[in-house]
N, C-alpha and C. Protein backbone atom coordinates (compact mmCIF):
# COMPACT_ATOMS: atom_id res chain seq x y z
N UNK A 1 173.43 141.95 220.43
CA UNK A 1 174.83 141.93 220.84
C UNK A 1 175.04 140.92 221.95
N UNK A 2 174.08 140.83 222.89
CA UNK A 2 174.21 139.88 224.00
C UNK A 2 174.12 138.45 223.50
N UNK A 3 173.23 138.21 222.54
CA UNK A 3 173.11 136.85 222.00
C UNK A 3 174.37 136.47 221.27
N UNK A 4 174.98 137.40 220.55
CA UNK A 4 176.21 137.07 219.85
C UNK A 4 177.33 136.82 220.83
N UNK A 5 177.33 137.56 221.92
CA UNK A 5 178.39 137.36 222.91
C UNK A 5 178.29 136.00 223.56
N UNK A 6 177.13 135.52 223.82
CA UNK A 6 176.95 134.21 224.45
C UNK A 6 176.95 133.05 223.44
N UNK A 7 177.11 133.36 222.14
CA UNK A 7 177.21 132.30 221.15
C UNK A 7 175.88 131.81 220.62
N UNK A 8 174.80 132.59 220.82
CA UNK A 8 173.49 132.17 220.34
C UNK A 8 173.19 132.69 218.95
N UNK A 9 174.11 133.31 218.30
CA UNK A 9 173.85 133.88 216.98
C UNK A 9 173.56 132.79 215.95
N UNK A 10 174.16 131.59 216.16
CA UNK A 10 173.96 130.50 215.19
C UNK A 10 172.57 129.92 215.27
N UNK A 11 171.81 130.25 216.40
CA UNK A 11 170.46 129.69 216.53
C UNK A 11 169.44 130.46 215.71
N UNK A 12 169.80 131.60 215.16
CA UNK A 12 168.86 132.37 214.35
C UNK A 12 168.61 131.62 213.02
N UNK A 13 167.37 131.60 212.55
CA UNK A 13 167.10 130.93 211.27
C UNK A 13 167.75 131.68 210.11
N UNK A 14 168.39 130.90 209.27
CA UNK A 14 169.05 131.49 208.10
C UNK A 14 168.09 131.36 206.92
N UNK A 15 167.48 132.45 206.53
CA UNK A 15 166.50 132.43 205.45
C UNK A 15 167.17 132.89 204.16
N UNK A 16 166.83 132.18 203.06
CA UNK A 16 167.32 132.60 201.75
C UNK A 16 166.54 133.81 201.30
N UNK A 17 167.15 134.68 200.54
CA UNK A 17 166.42 135.85 200.04
C UNK A 17 165.23 135.43 199.19
N UNK A 18 164.08 135.97 199.50
CA UNK A 18 162.85 135.59 198.80
C UNK A 18 162.80 136.25 197.43
N UNK A 19 162.34 135.47 196.47
CA UNK A 19 162.17 136.00 195.13
C UNK A 19 160.82 136.68 195.03
N UNK A 20 160.71 137.63 194.19
CA UNK A 20 159.41 138.29 194.01
C UNK A 20 158.35 137.28 193.59
N UNK A 21 157.12 137.48 194.07
CA UNK A 21 156.04 136.54 193.76
C UNK A 21 155.75 136.50 192.26
N UNK A 22 155.83 137.64 191.61
CA UNK A 22 155.55 137.68 190.18
C UNK A 22 156.54 136.88 189.38
N UNK A 23 157.80 136.89 189.79
CA UNK A 23 158.83 136.14 189.06
C UNK A 23 158.61 134.64 189.22
N UNK A 24 158.21 134.22 190.43
CA UNK A 24 157.93 132.79 190.64
C UNK A 24 156.77 132.34 189.76
N UNK A 25 155.74 133.15 189.65
CA UNK A 25 154.59 132.78 188.83
C UNK A 25 154.97 132.69 187.36
N UNK A 26 155.78 133.63 186.89
CA UNK A 26 156.20 133.60 185.50
C UNK A 26 157.05 132.38 185.20
N UNK A 27 157.97 132.04 186.11
CA UNK A 27 158.81 130.86 185.91
C UNK A 27 157.97 129.59 185.88
N UNK A 28 156.99 129.50 186.79
CA UNK A 28 156.15 128.31 186.82
C UNK A 28 155.31 128.19 185.55
N UNK A 29 154.77 129.33 185.09
CA UNK A 29 153.97 129.31 183.86
C UNK A 29 154.83 128.94 182.67
N UNK A 30 156.05 129.44 182.61
CA UNK A 30 156.93 129.12 181.50
C UNK A 30 157.27 127.64 181.46
N UNK A 31 157.50 127.05 182.65
CA UNK A 31 157.80 125.60 182.67
C UNK A 31 156.60 124.79 182.23
N UNK A 32 155.39 125.21 182.65
CA UNK A 32 154.18 124.49 182.24
C UNK A 32 153.97 124.56 180.74
N UNK A 33 154.19 125.74 180.16
CA UNK A 33 154.01 125.90 178.72
C UNK A 33 155.05 125.13 177.93
N UNK A 34 156.28 125.04 178.48
CA UNK A 34 157.33 124.29 177.79
C UNK A 34 157.01 122.80 177.74
N UNK A 35 156.33 122.30 178.76
CA UNK A 35 156.00 120.88 178.80
C UNK A 35 154.71 120.55 178.05
N UNK A 36 153.85 121.53 177.82
CA UNK A 36 152.56 121.27 177.18
C UNK A 36 152.77 121.01 175.69
N UNK A 37 152.29 119.88 175.17
CA UNK A 37 152.50 119.57 173.75
C UNK A 37 151.59 120.40 172.86
N UNK A 38 152.01 120.57 171.61
CA UNK A 38 151.19 121.24 170.62
C UNK A 38 150.19 120.25 170.03
N UNK A 39 149.01 120.73 169.75
CA UNK A 39 147.97 119.92 169.12
C UNK A 39 147.86 120.32 167.66
N UNK A 40 148.06 119.36 166.77
CA UNK A 40 147.99 119.62 165.34
C UNK A 40 146.91 118.74 164.72
N UNK A 41 146.40 119.18 163.57
CA UNK A 41 145.38 118.44 162.82
C UNK A 41 145.97 118.10 161.45
N UNK A 42 146.60 116.95 161.31
CA UNK A 42 147.30 116.64 160.05
C UNK A 42 146.38 116.54 158.85
N UNK A 43 145.15 116.10 159.03
CA UNK A 43 144.25 115.94 157.89
C UNK A 43 143.81 117.28 157.31
N UNK A 44 143.90 118.33 158.10
CA UNK A 44 143.50 119.65 157.60
C UNK A 44 144.56 120.26 156.69
N UNK A 45 145.79 119.76 156.76
CA UNK A 45 146.87 120.30 155.94
C UNK A 45 146.90 119.70 154.55
N UNK A 46 146.11 118.68 154.30
CA UNK A 46 146.11 118.03 152.99
C UNK A 46 145.38 118.89 151.97
N UNK A 47 145.88 118.83 150.74
CA UNK A 47 145.28 119.63 149.68
C UNK A 47 143.83 119.21 149.41
N UNK A 48 143.56 117.91 149.48
CA UNK A 48 142.20 117.44 149.26
C UNK A 48 141.22 117.95 150.29
N UNK A 49 141.66 118.03 151.55
CA UNK A 49 140.79 118.54 152.61
C UNK A 49 140.51 120.03 152.42
N UNK A 50 141.55 120.78 152.07
CA UNK A 50 141.35 122.21 151.85
C UNK A 50 140.41 122.47 150.68
N UNK A 51 140.57 121.67 149.60
CA UNK A 51 139.70 121.86 148.44
C UNK A 51 138.26 121.48 148.77
N UNK A 52 138.08 120.38 149.51
CA UNK A 52 136.72 119.95 149.88
C UNK A 52 136.04 120.98 150.76
N UNK A 53 136.78 121.53 151.70
CA UNK A 53 136.20 122.55 152.57
C UNK A 53 135.79 123.78 151.77
N UNK A 54 136.68 124.26 150.90
CA UNK A 54 136.39 125.47 150.13
C UNK A 54 135.18 125.27 149.21
N UNK A 55 135.13 124.13 148.53
CA UNK A 55 134.02 123.88 147.61
C UNK A 55 132.72 123.72 148.39
N UNK A 56 132.77 123.07 149.55
CA UNK A 56 131.56 122.90 150.35
C UNK A 56 131.03 124.25 150.82
N UNK A 57 131.91 125.12 151.27
CA UNK A 57 131.48 126.46 151.70
C UNK A 57 130.86 127.23 150.54
N UNK A 58 131.49 127.18 149.37
CA UNK A 58 130.96 127.89 148.21
C UNK A 58 129.59 127.34 147.79
N UNK A 59 129.43 126.02 147.83
CA UNK A 59 128.15 125.42 147.47
C UNK A 59 127.06 125.79 148.47
N UNK A 60 127.41 125.86 149.75
CA UNK A 60 126.43 126.27 150.75
C UNK A 60 125.99 127.71 150.54
N UNK A 61 126.95 128.58 150.24
CA UNK A 61 126.60 129.97 149.98
C UNK A 61 125.76 130.09 148.71
N UNK A 62 126.13 129.33 147.66
CA UNK A 62 125.35 129.36 146.42
C UNK A 62 123.93 128.86 146.64
N UNK A 63 123.78 127.82 147.45
CA UNK A 63 122.44 127.30 147.74
C UNK A 63 121.61 128.33 148.48
N UNK A 64 122.22 128.97 149.47
CA UNK A 64 121.49 130.00 150.23
C UNK A 64 121.08 131.16 149.32
N UNK A 65 121.94 131.56 148.41
CA UNK A 65 121.61 132.67 147.49
C UNK A 65 120.48 132.27 146.55
N UNK A 66 120.53 131.05 146.02
CA UNK A 66 119.48 130.58 145.11
C UNK A 66 118.12 130.53 145.82
N UNK A 67 118.11 129.98 147.02
CA UNK A 67 116.85 129.90 147.77
C UNK A 67 116.34 131.30 148.08
N UNK A 68 117.23 132.22 148.43
CA UNK A 68 116.81 133.59 148.73
C UNK A 68 116.24 134.27 147.49
N UNK A 69 116.85 134.06 146.31
CA UNK A 69 116.35 134.67 145.08
C UNK A 69 114.98 134.11 144.70
N UNK A 70 114.84 132.79 144.81
CA UNK A 70 113.55 132.18 144.47
C UNK A 70 112.46 132.67 145.43
N UNK A 71 112.81 132.78 146.70
CA UNK A 71 111.82 133.24 147.68
C UNK A 71 111.42 134.69 147.45
N UNK A 72 112.42 135.55 147.21
CA UNK A 72 112.12 136.97 146.99
C UNK A 72 111.39 137.17 145.67
N UNK A 73 111.80 136.44 144.63
CA UNK A 73 111.18 136.62 143.32
C UNK A 73 109.76 136.09 143.25
N UNK A 74 109.49 135.01 143.96
CA UNK A 74 108.15 134.44 143.93
C UNK A 74 107.37 134.66 145.20
N UNK A 75 107.63 135.76 145.89
CA UNK A 75 107.02 136.02 147.20
C UNK A 75 105.50 136.03 147.12
N UNK A 76 104.94 136.63 146.08
CA UNK A 76 103.49 136.74 145.99
C UNK A 76 102.83 135.43 145.59
N UNK A 77 103.61 134.48 145.09
CA UNK A 77 103.06 133.21 144.64
C UNK A 77 103.23 132.12 145.69
N UNK A 78 104.34 132.14 146.39
CA UNK A 78 104.59 131.13 147.42
C UNK A 78 103.57 131.29 148.55
N UNK A 79 102.92 130.22 148.87
CA UNK A 79 101.87 130.24 149.88
C UNK A 79 102.33 129.51 151.14
N UNK A 80 102.75 130.27 152.12
CA UNK A 80 103.16 129.69 153.39
C UNK A 80 104.53 129.05 153.38
N UNK A 81 105.26 129.15 152.28
CA UNK A 81 106.59 128.52 152.19
C UNK A 81 107.70 129.49 152.57
N UNK A 82 107.37 130.76 152.82
CA UNK A 82 108.42 131.73 153.13
C UNK A 82 109.19 131.39 154.40
N UNK A 83 108.52 131.01 155.50
CA UNK A 83 109.30 130.68 156.71
C UNK A 83 110.28 129.53 156.49
N UNK A 84 109.85 128.49 155.75
CA UNK A 84 110.76 127.37 155.48
C UNK A 84 111.94 127.83 154.64
N UNK A 85 111.69 128.68 153.66
CA UNK A 85 112.79 129.17 152.82
C UNK A 85 113.77 130.01 153.63
N UNK A 86 113.25 130.87 154.50
CA UNK A 86 114.14 131.67 155.34
C UNK A 86 114.94 130.78 156.29
N UNK A 87 114.32 129.72 156.79
CA UNK A 87 115.05 128.79 157.67
C UNK A 87 116.19 128.13 156.91
N UNK A 88 115.96 127.75 155.66
CA UNK A 88 117.02 127.14 154.85
C UNK A 88 118.17 128.12 154.63
N UNK A 89 117.82 129.36 154.31
CA UNK A 89 118.88 130.36 154.07
C UNK A 89 119.71 130.56 155.33
N UNK A 90 119.06 130.67 156.47
CA UNK A 90 119.79 130.88 157.73
C UNK A 90 120.64 129.67 158.08
N UNK A 91 120.08 128.47 157.93
CA UNK A 91 120.83 127.26 158.26
C UNK A 91 122.06 127.10 157.38
N UNK A 92 121.91 127.35 156.09
CA UNK A 92 123.07 127.20 155.19
C UNK A 92 124.13 128.25 155.46
N UNK A 93 123.73 129.46 155.83
CA UNK A 93 124.72 130.48 156.17
C UNK A 93 125.49 130.10 157.43
N UNK A 94 124.78 129.59 158.44
CA UNK A 94 125.44 129.19 159.68
C UNK A 94 126.35 127.99 159.43
N UNK A 95 125.89 127.01 158.66
CA UNK A 95 126.71 125.83 158.39
C UNK A 95 127.95 126.19 157.58
N UNK A 96 127.82 127.13 156.64
CA UNK A 96 129.00 127.57 155.89
C UNK A 96 130.04 128.19 156.81
N UNK A 97 129.57 128.96 157.80
CA UNK A 97 130.50 129.56 158.77
C UNK A 97 131.25 128.49 159.55
N UNK A 98 130.54 127.46 160.01
CA UNK A 98 131.18 126.42 160.81
C UNK A 98 132.09 125.54 159.96
N UNK A 99 131.71 125.25 158.73
CA UNK A 99 132.58 124.45 157.86
C UNK A 99 133.85 125.22 157.55
N UNK A 100 133.75 126.53 157.39
CA UNK A 100 134.95 127.34 157.15
C UNK A 100 135.91 127.27 158.33
N UNK A 101 135.40 126.95 159.53
CA UNK A 101 136.23 126.80 160.72
C UNK A 101 136.57 125.32 161.00
N UNK A 102 136.49 124.48 159.97
CA UNK A 102 136.87 123.07 160.02
C UNK A 102 135.96 122.25 160.95
N UNK A 103 134.73 122.63 161.10
CA UNK A 103 133.79 121.84 161.89
C UNK A 103 133.11 120.84 160.96
N UNK A 104 133.37 119.56 161.16
CA UNK A 104 132.79 118.54 160.29
C UNK A 104 131.47 118.00 160.83
N UNK A 105 131.08 118.39 162.03
CA UNK A 105 129.87 117.87 162.62
C UNK A 105 128.61 118.29 161.88
N UNK A 106 128.65 119.44 161.18
CA UNK A 106 127.47 119.93 160.47
C UNK A 106 127.36 119.34 159.07
N UNK A 107 128.37 118.62 158.60
CA UNK A 107 128.35 118.11 157.23
C UNK A 107 127.25 117.08 157.00
N UNK A 108 127.03 116.10 157.89
CA UNK A 108 125.90 115.19 157.67
C UNK A 108 124.55 115.91 157.67
N UNK A 109 124.41 116.93 158.51
CA UNK A 109 123.18 117.72 158.52
C UNK A 109 122.99 118.43 157.18
N UNK A 110 124.07 119.00 156.66
CA UNK A 110 124.00 119.68 155.37
C UNK A 110 123.64 118.71 154.25
N UNK A 111 124.19 117.49 154.31
CA UNK A 111 123.86 116.50 153.29
C UNK A 111 122.39 116.13 153.33
N UNK A 112 121.85 115.90 154.53
CA UNK A 112 120.44 115.55 154.65
C UNK A 112 119.52 116.67 154.19
N UNK A 113 119.81 117.90 154.58
CA UNK A 113 118.99 119.04 154.16
C UNK A 113 119.08 119.26 152.65
N UNK A 114 120.24 119.00 152.07
CA UNK A 114 120.41 119.19 150.62
C UNK A 114 119.62 118.15 149.84
N UNK A 115 119.57 116.93 150.33
CA UNK A 115 118.75 115.91 149.65
C UNK A 115 117.28 116.32 149.66
N UNK A 116 116.79 116.77 150.80
CA UNK A 116 115.40 117.21 150.90
C UNK A 116 115.15 118.41 150.00
N UNK A 117 116.09 119.35 149.96
CA UNK A 117 115.93 120.53 149.12
C UNK A 117 115.93 120.17 147.64
N UNK A 118 116.77 119.21 147.25
CA UNK A 118 116.80 118.77 145.85
C UNK A 118 115.47 118.15 145.44
N UNK A 119 114.86 117.38 146.32
CA UNK A 119 113.56 116.77 146.02
C UNK A 119 112.49 117.85 145.87
N UNK A 120 112.48 118.82 146.80
CA UNK A 120 111.49 119.91 146.72
C UNK A 120 111.66 120.71 145.44
N UNK A 121 112.90 121.01 145.08
CA UNK A 121 113.15 121.79 143.87
C UNK A 121 112.75 121.02 142.62
N UNK A 122 113.04 119.72 142.59
CA UNK A 122 112.68 118.92 141.41
C UNK A 122 111.16 118.83 141.24
N UNK A 123 110.44 118.80 142.35
CA UNK A 123 108.98 118.72 142.27
C UNK A 123 108.37 120.07 141.88
N UNK A 124 108.93 121.17 142.38
CA UNK A 124 108.33 122.49 142.16
C UNK A 124 108.75 123.15 140.86
N UNK A 125 109.83 122.73 140.25
CA UNK A 125 110.31 123.38 139.02
C UNK A 125 109.28 123.32 137.89
N UNK A 126 108.65 122.16 137.60
CA UNK A 126 107.65 122.15 136.52
C UNK A 126 106.49 123.12 136.76
N UNK A 127 106.15 123.37 138.01
CA UNK A 127 105.05 124.29 138.30
C UNK A 127 105.35 125.71 137.87
N UNK A 128 106.61 126.12 138.02
CA UNK A 128 106.98 127.48 137.57
C UNK A 128 106.86 127.60 136.06
N UNK A 129 107.32 126.60 135.32
CA UNK A 129 107.23 126.67 133.86
C UNK A 129 105.77 126.58 133.40
N UNK A 130 104.96 125.77 134.08
CA UNK A 130 103.54 125.68 133.72
C UNK A 130 102.83 127.00 133.98
N UNK A 131 103.23 127.69 135.01
CA UNK A 131 102.62 128.98 135.32
C UNK A 131 102.93 130.00 134.24
N UNK A 132 104.11 129.93 133.65
CA UNK A 132 104.48 130.86 132.59
C UNK A 132 103.69 130.59 131.32
N UNK A 133 103.37 129.34 131.04
CA UNK A 133 102.69 128.99 129.81
C UNK A 133 101.19 129.30 129.86
N UNK A 134 100.57 129.21 131.01
CA UNK A 134 99.13 129.38 131.11
C UNK A 134 98.70 130.83 131.24
N UNK A 135 99.63 131.76 131.25
CA UNK A 135 99.29 133.17 131.25
C UNK A 135 99.00 133.78 132.60
N UNK A 136 99.43 133.16 133.68
CA UNK A 136 99.27 133.78 134.99
C UNK A 136 100.15 135.02 135.10
N UNK A 137 99.77 135.89 136.00
CA UNK A 137 100.57 137.09 136.21
C UNK A 137 101.90 136.72 136.86
N UNK A 138 102.98 137.23 136.31
CA UNK A 138 104.31 136.91 136.82
C UNK A 138 104.55 137.63 138.14
N UNK A 139 105.27 137.00 139.05
CA UNK A 139 105.69 137.68 140.29
C UNK A 139 106.81 138.67 139.99
N UNK A 140 107.56 139.03 141.03
CA UNK A 140 108.64 140.02 140.84
C UNK A 140 109.66 139.56 139.80
N UNK A 141 109.96 138.28 139.79
CA UNK A 141 110.82 137.68 138.77
C UNK A 141 109.94 136.78 137.92
N UNK A 142 110.22 136.74 136.63
CA UNK A 142 109.37 135.96 135.73
C UNK A 142 109.36 134.49 136.13
N UNK A 143 108.26 133.83 135.80
CA UNK A 143 108.11 132.41 136.17
C UNK A 143 109.15 131.54 135.48
N UNK A 144 109.50 131.90 134.23
CA UNK A 144 110.53 131.13 133.53
C UNK A 144 111.86 131.22 134.25
N UNK A 145 112.21 132.41 134.72
CA UNK A 145 113.48 132.59 135.44
C UNK A 145 113.45 131.85 136.77
N UNK A 146 112.32 131.92 137.47
CA UNK A 146 112.22 131.19 138.74
C UNK A 146 112.31 129.68 138.50
N UNK A 147 111.70 129.21 137.42
CA UNK A 147 111.82 127.79 137.10
C UNK A 147 113.24 127.39 136.79
N UNK A 148 113.97 128.27 136.08
CA UNK A 148 115.37 127.98 135.77
C UNK A 148 116.22 127.95 137.03
N UNK A 149 116.00 128.91 137.92
CA UNK A 149 116.75 128.92 139.18
C UNK A 149 116.44 127.67 140.02
N UNK A 150 115.20 127.23 139.98
CA UNK A 150 114.83 126.04 140.73
C UNK A 150 115.49 124.80 140.14
N UNK A 151 115.56 124.74 138.81
CA UNK A 151 116.24 123.60 138.16
C UNK A 151 117.73 123.60 138.51
N UNK A 152 118.35 124.78 138.51
CA UNK A 152 119.78 124.87 138.86
C UNK A 152 120.01 124.42 140.30
N UNK A 153 119.02 124.66 141.15
CA UNK A 153 119.16 124.31 142.56
C UNK A 153 119.29 122.79 142.77
N UNK A 154 118.72 121.99 141.87
CA UNK A 154 118.77 120.53 142.02
C UNK A 154 120.21 120.00 141.92
N UNK A 155 120.94 120.26 140.82
CA UNK A 155 122.32 119.74 140.78
C UNK A 155 123.25 120.36 141.81
N UNK A 156 123.02 121.64 142.13
CA UNK A 156 123.86 122.27 143.16
C UNK A 156 123.69 121.55 144.49
N UNK A 157 122.46 121.20 144.83
CA UNK A 157 122.21 120.49 146.09
C UNK A 157 122.82 119.10 146.08
N UNK A 158 122.73 118.41 144.94
CA UNK A 158 123.29 117.06 144.87
C UNK A 158 124.82 117.08 144.94
N UNK A 159 125.43 118.07 144.30
CA UNK A 159 126.90 118.19 144.39
C UNK A 159 127.31 118.53 145.82
N UNK A 160 126.51 119.34 146.49
CA UNK A 160 126.80 119.66 147.88
C UNK A 160 126.73 118.41 148.76
N UNK A 161 125.78 117.54 148.48
CA UNK A 161 125.70 116.28 149.22
C UNK A 161 127.00 115.49 149.06
N UNK A 162 127.48 115.40 147.83
CA UNK A 162 128.70 114.62 147.56
C UNK A 162 129.91 115.20 148.29
N UNK A 163 130.08 116.52 148.24
CA UNK A 163 131.24 117.13 148.88
C UNK A 163 131.12 117.15 150.40
N UNK A 164 129.90 117.25 150.91
CA UNK A 164 129.72 117.20 152.37
C UNK A 164 130.11 115.83 152.90
N UNK A 165 129.69 114.78 152.23
CA UNK A 165 130.05 113.42 152.66
C UNK A 165 131.55 113.18 152.46
N UNK A 166 132.11 113.74 151.41
CA UNK A 166 133.55 113.59 151.19
C UNK A 166 134.35 114.28 152.31
N UNK A 167 133.93 115.48 152.68
CA UNK A 167 134.61 116.18 153.77
C UNK A 167 134.47 115.46 155.09
N UNK A 168 133.30 114.88 155.34
CA UNK A 168 133.10 114.15 156.59
C UNK A 168 134.00 112.92 156.65
N UNK A 169 134.23 112.27 155.51
CA UNK A 169 135.09 111.09 155.48
C UNK A 169 136.57 111.43 155.64
N UNK A 170 136.94 112.69 155.43
CA UNK A 170 138.35 113.08 155.54
C UNK A 170 138.81 113.26 156.99
N UNK A 171 137.89 113.22 157.95
CA UNK A 171 138.24 113.27 159.38
C UNK A 171 139.08 114.50 159.73
N UNK A 172 138.47 115.65 159.54
CA UNK A 172 139.17 116.90 159.85
C UNK A 172 139.45 117.04 161.34
N UNK A 173 138.77 116.28 162.18
CA UNK A 173 138.88 116.46 163.63
C UNK A 173 140.01 115.67 164.26
N UNK A 174 140.75 114.86 163.51
CA UNK A 174 141.82 114.05 164.08
C UNK A 174 142.93 114.95 164.62
N UNK A 175 143.34 114.69 165.86
CA UNK A 175 144.36 115.49 166.52
C UNK A 175 145.60 114.65 166.80
N UNK A 176 146.77 115.26 166.68
CA UNK A 176 148.05 114.63 167.01
C UNK A 176 148.82 115.59 167.91
N UNK A 177 149.28 115.09 169.05
CA UNK A 177 150.05 115.91 169.98
C UNK A 177 151.54 115.80 169.64
N UNK A 178 152.20 116.95 169.60
CA UNK A 178 153.63 117.01 169.33
C UNK A 178 154.30 117.90 170.36
N UNK A 179 155.52 117.49 170.76
CA UNK A 179 156.26 118.33 171.68
C UNK A 179 156.92 119.46 170.91
N UNK A 180 157.64 120.32 171.64
CA UNK A 180 158.23 121.50 171.01
C UNK A 180 159.45 121.15 170.17
N UNK A 181 159.93 119.92 170.27
CA UNK A 181 161.03 119.49 169.41
C UNK A 181 160.53 118.99 168.07
N UNK A 182 159.22 118.87 167.92
CA UNK A 182 158.65 118.45 166.66
C UNK A 182 158.34 116.97 166.58
N UNK A 183 158.54 116.23 167.67
CA UNK A 183 158.26 114.81 167.67
C UNK A 183 156.82 114.57 168.10
N UNK A 184 156.13 113.72 167.35
CA UNK A 184 154.74 113.42 167.68
C UNK A 184 154.66 112.47 168.84
N UNK A 185 153.51 112.50 169.50
CA UNK A 185 153.30 111.62 170.64
C UNK A 185 153.26 110.17 170.23
N UNK A 186 153.04 109.93 168.94
CA UNK A 186 152.95 108.56 168.46
C UNK A 186 154.06 108.22 167.47
N UNK A 187 154.96 109.20 167.23
CA UNK A 187 156.02 108.96 166.26
C UNK A 187 157.02 107.93 166.75
N UNK A 188 157.30 107.95 168.04
CA UNK A 188 158.33 107.06 168.57
C UNK A 188 157.80 105.65 168.78
N UNK A 189 156.49 105.49 168.78
CA UNK A 189 155.90 104.16 168.92
C UNK A 189 155.81 103.67 170.35
N UNK A 190 156.11 104.52 171.35
CA UNK A 190 156.09 104.06 172.73
C UNK A 190 154.90 104.58 173.49
N UNK A 191 154.02 105.39 172.84
CA UNK A 191 152.86 105.92 173.56
C UNK A 191 151.57 105.68 172.80
N UNK A 192 151.55 104.80 171.85
CA UNK A 192 150.32 104.52 171.15
C UNK A 192 150.60 104.02 169.75
N UNK A 193 149.54 103.73 169.05
CA UNK A 193 149.66 103.20 167.70
C UNK A 193 149.21 104.18 166.63
N UNK A 194 148.61 105.28 167.02
CA UNK A 194 148.16 106.23 166.02
C UNK A 194 147.39 107.36 166.67
N UNK A 195 147.02 108.34 165.87
CA UNK A 195 146.30 109.48 166.40
C UNK A 195 144.89 109.09 166.80
N UNK A 196 144.38 109.76 167.84
CA UNK A 196 143.03 109.51 168.31
C UNK A 196 142.11 110.58 167.77
N UNK A 197 140.96 110.24 167.21
CA UNK A 197 140.03 111.27 166.78
C UNK A 197 139.39 111.97 167.95
N UNK A 198 139.26 113.29 167.81
CA UNK A 198 138.64 114.09 168.86
C UNK A 198 137.23 114.43 168.45
N UNK A 199 136.53 115.14 169.35
CA UNK A 199 135.16 115.52 169.03
C UNK A 199 135.11 116.52 167.91
N UNK A 200 134.03 116.43 167.13
CA UNK A 200 133.91 117.33 165.99
C UNK A 200 133.74 118.77 166.44
């Protein structure tokens, strides 16, 4: 009252009402999200890319199943090859999972392993048929059936090589930034000449 009487009331600081801290944080986060562009992968939306991915995953699963059947059926005959066969089955299952998630980095690895597997299968297939003819005791699965499965493994592996290289050439990892209005970062021509490839 004394300060107001002497005219000192105007010297008091005039503070604006403070907003709740939570509301300020939400507003700041909303503005940041509104400005952040969307990242899209245009090559993944193409029909050819979707078909290549699906066929590659199916071929990887088929290869893993064939190797598992040959290993289980010829367990008593295979000498020291079981660990390598199990490694192939595990690797193909893991690579199929990553390819299903549009990871193209494993495709060259799959192509290289498939070439090696095709060579091994082509070399070992005649041995299974020879074993059936000479009267050896059959393992859990007949030698003729194991030879047939091994022969089937050769073209499956070669087709997998072709589709793995095809998928790698489709550049599934290319990213394009777009704002919330739907305009691409490179559509207007003022921020670049084209999309930049990202890491696989």
